[in-house]
Amino acid sequence: MSSEPPNGLPRYRILTGKDDAAFCYRVSEALALGYQLYGSPAATFNGDYVVVAQAILWGVRSTLEEI
């Protein structure tokens, strides 16, 4: 994996959107690029639909992988 995200994307991103298949595809695409999930997803109801958020980071390594 490259040390920098592709296409000038930032190392930290938070993806947000309506809780639907399109949001799941956006998260899946980011994971396929090499991002990793960071923390738990969040969800709220805006009165019309559920809005979700997921933070992602580029280049995260667990302590065990670095040993």
PDB file of N, CA and C in Angstrom:
ATOM      1  N   MET A   1       0.838  -1.172   0.000  1.00  0.00           N
ATOM      2  CA  MET A   1       0.000   0.000   0.000  1.00  0.00           C
ATOM      3  C   MET A   1       0.884   1.237   0.000  1.00  0.00           C
ATOM      4  N   SER A   2       0.499   2.222  -0.761  1.00  0.00           N
ATOM      5  CA  SER A   2       1.217   3.491  -0.814  1.00  0.00           C
ATOM      6  C   SER A   2       1.117   4.201   0.535  1.00  0.00           C
ATOM      7  N   SER A   3       2.113   5.046   0.823  1.00  0.00           N
ATOM      8  CA  SER A   3       2.086   5.783   2.082  1.00  0.00           C
ATOM      9  C   SER A   3       1.089   6.934   2.047  1.00  0.00           C
ATOM     10  N   GLU A   4       0.614   7.296   0.870  1.00  0.00           N
ATOM     11  CA  GLU A   4      -0.363   8.381   0.720  1.00  0.00           C
ATOM     12  C   GLU A   4      -1.625   7.860   0.036  1.00  0.00           C
ATOM     13  N   PRO A   5      -2.774   8.383   0.417  1.00  0.00           N
ATOM     14  CA  PRO A   5      -4.021   7.978  -0.251  1.00  0.00           C
ATOM     15  C   PRO A   5      -4.009   8.373  -1.724  1.00  0.00           C
ATOM     16  N   PRO A   6      -4.749   7.659  -2.562  1.00  0.00           N
ATOM     17  CA  PRO A   6      -4.781   7.980  -3.994  1.00  0.00           C
ATOM     18  C   PRO A   6      -5.576   9.249  -4.291  1.00  0.00           C
ATOM     19  N   ASN A   7      -5.317   9.814  -5.436  1.00  0.00           N
ATOM     20  CA  ASN A   7      -6.097  10.939  -5.982  1.00  0.00           C
ATOM     21  C   ASN A   7      -6.150  12.149  -5.062  1.00  0.00           C
ATOM     22  N   GLY A   8      -5.119  12.332  -4.229  1.00  0.00           N
ATOM     23  CA  GLY A   8      -5.094  13.496  -3.355  1.00  0.00           C
ATOM     24  C   GLY A   8      -6.100  13.469  -2.218  1.00  0.00           C
ATOM     25  N   LEU A   9      -6.667  12.305  -1.937  1.00  0.00           N
ATOM     26  CA  LEU A   9      -7.643  12.193  -0.853  1.00  0.00           C
ATOM     27  C   LEU A   9      -6.951  12.373   0.494  1.00  0.00           C
ATOM     28  N   PRO A  10      -7.675  12.862   1.503  1.00  0.00           N
ATOM     29  CA  PRO A  10      -7.072  13.051   2.817  1.00  0.00           C
ATOM     30  C   PRO A  10      -6.876  11.718   3.543  1.00  0.00           C
ATOM     31  N   ARG A  11      -5.956  11.709   4.519  1.00  0.00           N
ATOM     32  CA  ARG A  11      -5.703  10.498   5.316  1.00  0.00           C
ATOM     33  C   ARG A  11      -6.910  10.137   6.178  1.00  0.00           C
ATOM     34  N   TYR A  12      -7.577  11.140   6.717  1.00  0.00           N
ATOM     35  CA  TYR A  12      -8.752  10.933   7.562  1.00  0.00           C
ATOM     36  C   TYR A  12      -9.984  11.402   6.810  1.00  0.00           C
ATOM     37  N   ARG A  13     -10.989  10.562   6.815  1.00  0.00           N
ATOM     38  CA  ARG A  13     -12.251  10.941   6.183  1.00  0.00           C
ATOM     39  C   ARG A  13     -13.387  10.476   7.072  1.00  0.00           C
ATOM     40  N   ILE A  14     -14.469  11.190   7.026  1.00  0.00           N
ATOM     41  CA  ILE A  14     -15.686  10.716   7.667  1.00  0.00           C
ATOM     42  C   ILE A  14     -16.760  10.697   6.590  1.00  0.00           C
ATOM     43  N   LEU A  15     -17.249   9.520   6.344  1.00  0.00           N
ATOM     44  CA  LEU A  15     -18.286   9.338   5.335  1.00  0.00           C
ATOM     45  C   LEU A  15     -19.639   9.448   6.021  1.00  0.00           C
ATOM     46  N   THR A  16     -20.546  10.224   5.456  1.00  0.00           N
ATOM     47  CA  THR A  16     -21.880  10.383   6.023  1.00  0.00           C
ATOM     48  C   THR A  16     -22.908  10.262   4.915  1.00  0.00           C
ATOM     49  N   GLY A  17     -24.098   9.899   5.288  1.00  0.00           N
ATOM     50  CA  GLY A  17     -25.170   9.832   4.312  1.00  0.00           C
ATOM     51  C   GLY A  17     -26.359   9.057   4.806  1.00  0.00           C
ATOM     52  N   LYS A  18     -27.349   9.005   3.982  1.00  0.00           N
ATOM     53  CA  LYS A  18     -28.550   8.227   4.255  1.00  0.00           C
ATOM     54  C   LYS A  18     -28.162   6.758   4.392  1.00  0.00           C
ATOM     55  N   ASP A  19     -28.777   6.072   5.350  1.00  0.00           N
ATOM     56  CA  ASP A  19     -28.479   4.660   5.581  1.00  0.00           C
ATOM     57  C   ASP A  19     -29.143   3.824   4.482  1.00  0.00           C
ATOM     58  N   ASP A  20     -28.410   3.660   3.390  1.00  0.00           N
ATOM     59  CA  ASP A  20     -28.927   2.887   2.263  1.00  0.00           C
ATOM     60  C   ASP A  20     -27.775   2.159   1.573  1.00  0.00           C
ATOM     61  N   ALA A  21     -28.083   1.463   0.513  1.00  0.00           N
ATOM     62  CA  ALA A  21     -27.067   0.683  -0.204  1.00  0.00           C
ATOM     63  C   ALA A  21     -25.966   1.593  -0.762  1.00  0.00           C
ATOM     64  N   ALA A  22     -26.310   2.785  -1.196  1.00  0.00           N
ATOM     65  CA  ALA A  22     -25.308   3.700  -1.753  1.00  0.00           C
ATOM     66  C   ALA A  22     -24.248   4.043  -0.708  1.00  0.00           C
ATOM     67  N   PHE A  23     -24.659   4.258   0.541  1.00  0.00           N
ATOM     68  CA  PHE A  23     -23.687   4.540   1.598  1.00  0.00           C
ATOM     69  C   PHE A  23     -22.786   3.323   1.819  1.00  0.00           C
ATOM     70  N   CYS A  24     -23.366   2.152   1.863  1.00  0.00           N
ATOM     71  CA  CYS A  24     -22.572   0.918   2.048  1.00  0.00           C
ATOM     72  C   CYS A  24     -21.555   0.748   0.924  1.00  0.00           C
ATOM     73  N   TYR A  25     -21.945   1.060  -0.303  1.00  0.00           N
ATOM     74  CA  TYR A  25     -21.013   0.980  -1.432  1.00  0.00           C
ATOM     75  C   TYR A  25     -19.875   1.988  -1.280  1.00  0.00           C
ATOM     76  N   ARG A  26     -20.179   3.196  -0.797  1.00  0.00           N
ATOM     77  CA  ARG A  26     -19.133   4.209  -0.585  1.00  0.00           C
ATOM     78  C   ARG A  26     -18.106   3.723   0.435  1.00  0.00           C
ATOM     79  N   VAL A  27     -18.584   3.130   1.516  1.00  0.00           N
ATOM     80  CA  VAL A  27     -17.662   2.593   2.528  1.00  0.00           C
ATOM     81  C   VAL A  27     -16.853   1.451   1.921  1.00  0.00           C
ATOM     82  N   SER A  28     -17.508   0.558   1.204  1.00  0.00           N
ATOM     83  CA  SER A  28     -16.814  -0.579   0.579  1.00  0.00           C
ATOM     84  C   SER A  28     -15.757  -0.107  -0.414  1.00  0.00           C
ATOM     85  N   GLU A  29     -16.058   0.922  -1.196  1.00  0.00           N
ATOM     86  CA  GLU A  29     -15.083   1.462  -2.147  1.00  0.00           C
ATOM     87  C   GLU A  29     -13.859   2.023  -1.427  1.00  0.00           C
ATOM     88  N   ALA A  30     -14.085   2.718  -0.320  1.00  0.00           N
ATOM     89  CA  ALA A  30     -12.968   3.273   0.452  1.00  0.00           C
ATOM     90  C   ALA A  30     -12.095   2.147   1.020  1.00  0.00           C
ATOM     91  N   LEU A  31     -12.720   1.091   1.498  1.00  0.00           N
ATOM     92  CA  LEU A  31     -11.963  -0.052   2.017  1.00  0.00           C
ATOM     93  C   LEU A  31     -11.159  -0.714   0.900  1.00  0.00           C
ATOM     94  N   ALA A  32     -11.736  -0.804  -0.281  1.00  0.00           N
ATOM     95  CA  ALA A  32     -11.029  -1.405  -1.413  1.00  0.00           C
ATOM     96  C   ALA A  32      -9.819  -0.559  -1.826  1.00  0.00           C
ATOM     97  N   LEU A  33      -9.892   0.757  -1.622  1.00  0.00           N
ATOM     98  CA  LEU A  33      -8.761   1.638  -1.929  1.00  0.00           C
ATOM     99  C   LEU A  33      -7.611   1.462  -0.940  1.00  0.00           C
ATOM    100  N   GLY A  34      -7.928   0.962   0.256  1.00  0.00           N
ATOM    101  CA  GLY A  34      -6.894   0.781   1.275  1.00  0.00           C
ATOM    102  C   GLY A  34      -7.165   1.491   2.585  1.00  0.00           C
ATOM    103  N   TYR A  35      -8.277   2.213   2.681  1.00  0.00           N
ATOM    104  CA  TYR A  35      -8.652   2.834   3.952  1.00  0.00           C
ATOM    105  C   TYR A  35      -9.068   1.738   4.925  1.00  0.00           C
ATOM    106  N   GLN A  36      -9.006   2.048   6.214  1.00  0.00           N
ATOM    107  CA  GLN A  36      -9.468   1.130   7.251  1.00  0.00           C
ATOM    108  C   GLN A  36     -10.488   1.848   8.116  1.00  0.00           C
ATOM    109  N   LEU A  37     -11.450   1.076   8.626  1.00  0.00           N
ATOM    110  CA  LEU A  37     -12.457   1.651   9.503  1.00  0.00           C
ATOM    111  C   LEU A  37     -11.792   2.186  10.759  1.00  0.00           C
ATOM    112  N   TYR A  38     -12.300   3.285  11.277  1.00  0.00           N
ATOM    113  CA  TYR A  38     -11.782   3.873  12.496  1.00  0.00           C
ATOM    114  C   TYR A  38     -12.961   4.130  13.424  1.00  0.00           C
ATOM    115  N   GLY A  39     -12.996   3.419  14.530  1.00  0.00           N
ATOM    116  CA  GLY A  39     -14.082   3.589  15.487  1.00  0.00           C
ATOM    117  C   GLY A  39     -15.372   2.942  15.018  1.00  0.00           C
ATOM    118  N   SER A  40     -16.387   3.169  15.789  1.00  0.00           N
ATOM    119  CA  SER A  40     -17.712   2.602  15.507  1.00  0.00           C
ATOM    120  C   SER A  40     -18.513   3.544  14.615  1.00  0.00           C
ATOM    121  N   PRO A  41     -19.435   2.985  13.839  1.00  0.00           N
ATOM    122  CA  PRO A  41     -20.311   3.855  13.059  1.00  0.00           C
ATOM    123  C   PRO A  41     -21.273   4.587  13.993  1.00  0.00           C
ATOM    124  N   ALA A  42     -21.806   5.695  13.526  1.00  0.00           N
ATOM    125  CA  ALA A  42     -22.807   6.455  14.276  1.00  0.00           C
ATOM    126  C   ALA A  42     -24.064   6.540  13.425  1.00  0.00           C
ATOM    127  N   ALA A  43     -25.205   6.623  14.098  1.00  0.00           N
ATOM    128  CA  ALA A  43     -26.473   6.740  13.386  1.00  0.00           C
ATOM    129  C   ALA A  43     -27.398   7.679  14.152  1.00  0.00           C
ATOM    130  N   THR A  44     -28.189   8.415  13.402  1.00  0.00           N
ATOM    131  CA  THR A  44     -29.191   9.296  13.985  1.00  0.00           C
ATOM    132  C   THR A  44     -30.376   9.357  13.040  1.00  0.00           C
ATOM    133  N   PHE A  45     -31.487   9.819  13.538  1.00  0.00           N
ATOM    134  CA  PHE A  45     -32.692   9.965  12.729  1.00  0.00           C
ATOM    135  C   PHE A  45     -32.977  11.450  12.572  1.00  0.00           C
ATOM    136  N   ASN A  46     -33.109  11.921  11.345  1.00  0.00           N
ATOM    137  CA  ASN A  46     -33.299  13.352  11.104  1.00  0.00           C
ATOM    138  C   ASN A  46     -34.770  13.757  10.948  1.00  0.00           C
ATOM    139  N   GLY A  47     -35.662  12.843  11.253  1.00  0.00           N
ATOM    140  CA  GLY A  47     -37.090  13.123  11.103  1.00  0.00           C
ATOM    141  C   GLY A  47     -37.679  12.519   9.842  1.00  0.00           C
ATOM    142  N   ASP A  48     -36.806  12.243   8.867  1.00  0.00           N
ATOM    143  CA  ASP A  48     -37.247  11.622   7.619  1.00  0.00           C
ATOM    144  C   ASP A  48     -36.607  10.254   7.396  1.00  0.00           C
ATOM    145  N   TYR A  49     -35.318  10.139   7.725  1.00  0.00           N
ATOM    146  CA  TYR A  49     -34.597   8.886   7.510  1.00  0.00           C
ATOM    147  C   TYR A  49     -33.386   8.819   8.434  1.00  0.00           C
ATOM    148  N   VAL A  50     -32.792   7.649   8.514  1.00  0.00           N
ATOM    149  CA  VAL A  50     -31.605   7.436   9.333  1.00  0.00           C
ATOM    150  C   VAL A  50     -30.376   7.938   8.573  1.00  0.00           C
ATOM    151  N   VAL A  51     -29.556   8.724   9.254  1.00  0.00           N
ATOM    152  CA  VAL A  51     -28.298   9.224   8.710  1.00  0.00           C
ATOM    153  C   VAL A  51     -27.168   8.505   9.449  1.00  0.00           C
ATOM    154  N   VAL A  52     -26.211   7.981   8.699  1.00  0.00           N
ATOM    155  CA  VAL A  52     -25.102   7.245   9.297  1.00  0.00           C
ATOM    156  C   VAL A  52     -23.773   7.928   8.989  1.00  0.00           C
ATOM    157  N   ALA A  53     -22.776   7.610   9.823  1.00  0.00           N
ATOM    158  CA  ALA A  53     -21.436   8.160   9.638  1.00  0.00           C
ATOM    159  C   ALA A  53     -20.417   7.081   9.998  1.00  0.00           C
ATOM    160  N   GLN A  54     -19.317   7.056   9.264  1.00  0.00           N
ATOM    161  CA  GLN A  54     -18.225   6.132   9.548  1.00  0.00           C
ATOM    162  C   GLN A  54     -16.910   6.835   9.257  1.00  0.00           C
ATOM    163  N   ALA A  55     -16.037   6.869  10.251  1.00  0.00           N
ATOM    164  CA  ALA A  55     -14.706   7.436  10.062  1.00  0.00           C
ATOM    165  C   ALA A  55     -13.801   6.365   9.462  1.00  0.00           C
ATOM    166  N   ILE A  56     -12.899   6.809   8.580  1.00  0.00           N
ATOM    167  CA  ILE A  56     -11.918   5.908   7.979  1.00  0.00           C
ATOM    168  C   ILE A  56     -10.558   6.591   7.991  1.00  0.00           C
ATOM    169  N   LEU A  57      -9.509   5.793   8.082  1.00  0.00           N
ATOM    170  CA  LEU A  57      -8.137   6.293   8.092  1.00  0.00           C
ATOM    171  C   LEU A  57      -7.308   5.569   7.057  1.00  0.00           C
ATOM    172  N   TRP A  58      -6.338   6.265   6.518  1.00  0.00           N
ATOM    173  CA  TRP A  58      -5.399   5.675   5.572  1.00  0.00           C
ATOM    174  C   TRP A  58      -4.149   5.229   6.318  1.00  0.00           C
ATOM    175  N   GLY A  59      -3.670   4.035   6.027  1.00  0.00           N
ATOM    176  CA  GLY A  59      -2.375   3.590   6.518  1.00  0.00           C
ATOM    177  C   GLY A  59      -2.329   3.218   7.982  1.00  0.00           C
ATOM    178  N   VAL A  60      -3.435   2.847   8.569  1.00  0.00           N
ATOM    179  CA  VAL A  60      -3.448   2.425   9.959  1.00  0.00           C
ATOM    180  C   VAL A  60      -2.869   1.019  10.051  1.00  0.00           C
ATOM    181  N   ARG A  61      -2.015   0.817  11.015  1.00  0.00           N
ATOM    182  CA  ARG A  61      -1.445  -0.511  11.262  1.00  0.00           C
ATOM    183  C   ARG A  61      -1.662  -0.856  12.712  1.00  0.00           C
ATOM    184  N   SER A  62      -2.029  -2.087  12.958  1.00  0.00           N
ATOM    185  CA  SER A  62      -2.159  -2.507  14.353  1.00  0.00           C
ATOM    186  C   SER A  62      -0.772  -2.719  14.942  1.00  0.00           C
ATOM    187  N   THR A  63      -0.683  -2.659  16.241  1.00  0.00           N
ATOM    188  CA  THR A  63       0.592  -2.834  16.924  1.00  0.00           C
ATOM    189  C   THR A  63       1.198  -4.193  16.602  1.00  0.00           C
ATOM    190  N   LEU A  64       0.376  -5.217  16.495  1.00  0.00           N
ATOM    191  CA  LEU A  64       0.885  -6.562  16.214  1.00  0.00           C
ATOM    192  C   LEU A  64       1.494  -6.648  14.812  1.00  0.00           C
ATOM    193  N   GLU A  65       0.945  -5.917  13.834  1.00  0.00           N
ATOM    194  CA  GLU A  65       1.485  -5.948  12.482  1.00  0.00           C
ATOM    195  C   GLU A  65       2.863  -5.278  12.412  1.00  0.00           C
ATOM    196  N   GLU A  66       3.110  -4.313  13.295  1.00  0.00           N
ATOM    197  CA  GLU A  66       4.370  -3.581  13.270  1.00  0.00           C
ATOM    198  C   GLU A  66       5.504  -4.334  13.952  1.00  0.00           C
ATOM    199  N   ILE A  67       5.173  -5.340  14.744  1.00  0.00           N
ATOM    200  CA  ILE A  67       6.201  -6.102  15.467  1.00  0.00           C
ATOM    201  C   ILE A  67       6.883  -7.101  14.552  1.00  0.00           C
TER     202      ILE A  67
END
